């Protein structure tokens, strides 16, 4: 059976888009038969015609855009749009395809070192980019950005994809970026000069009354290691209690939060995850925990991995949770590299508290609800009097 070379090429592109490496991994081109055709087996022909029937619209739209768009557009631009569109089809704001520069920035962000302005934001269910925190001493903090501000534009442009928004804010040290945001319905614009940001995710101190304080701003590589060092230091100083501050912590690496849970809880369940087929996997802590009594501070910007830790502590009665209802990001993304330096992130699991409580879209209700940062800290201190 013969099939035109032009159609054959398009089908190979479509196959690549839908994981065709596996589908066509055993396909062999038997021999060329004339200038305009190749010979295929009946099985191969049926596979290709199936793909054509299912994805012919992709070829049609490709040609419409390529030939009809008012500006010249490259094949690479259309391909990237198709890749991004596959993930956008999920309707999930946390999933997405990343080109080479986006993937590099994503990987770098997990190390805690990058070039930008030092602002952490998350996209809420309404699609708004909500500031979660700013790095201490960063351009964002100096410019006055606060948790709860809604980012709307970067250099005058709006973005519908959180990765693209993040990439627009980041850039080489010494360059300027203009960020527009909303606060209490009022629009503000600030210009910041990007710097190299080195995020220190764990800080510790001793408060009046001999109470230890550990502030965790995110869960990145080495966060659990730094937390353990801070915990041992406070234990050696003989503090009578510990406040763990997870306010404005937007999350990060789940395994880092599980490692910290292991330091704070005896043997038990941290959380469990569930995939689309209902398969569950559990994360556990081992026997042995700090002897210090502790409480945990949370707020509406406590999200993701920090909610995993908070829920584990609450359900296992490790310590009181104090503050306001948390953000409610109860899903986990898998990220992995693809070819040519690109990559993706995909929401693959939903997680639940040890007692089976849903977190996503709900959040965690504290044991003691208190508004206001100063009031929350005071209530935490009162637990050790």
Foldseek 3Di string as FASTA:
>chain_A
DKDFPVLVVVLVLLLVLVVVCVVCVPFDFDACDDDTITDGDPVVVVVSVVSCVVCVVVVVVLVCCCPPPPDHDDPVVSSQVSNQVVQVVVVDQQWGWFDQVLLVVVVVVQAQKAKFQFWDWDQAPVQWTFTLDGAPPGQCVVQPDDGGKTWADKPRDGDSHPSVVVVSRGDDAQDKIKIWIDDPNDIDIDITGMDIGRHDQWDWDADPVQEIEIEGQEQHPCSLVVVVVRVVVSVVVPRQAYEYEQGSYQYHDLVSLLSNLLQQAAWDWLWWKQFPVGDIDTRIHYGHYDPHQYEYEYEQNRHDSSLSNVLQCVVRVSHFYEEAFYNQQFWDWDKDADPPNIIIIDTGIGMAGRVRHGRHPGGDGTPHYDDDPVRRVVVRVVVSD
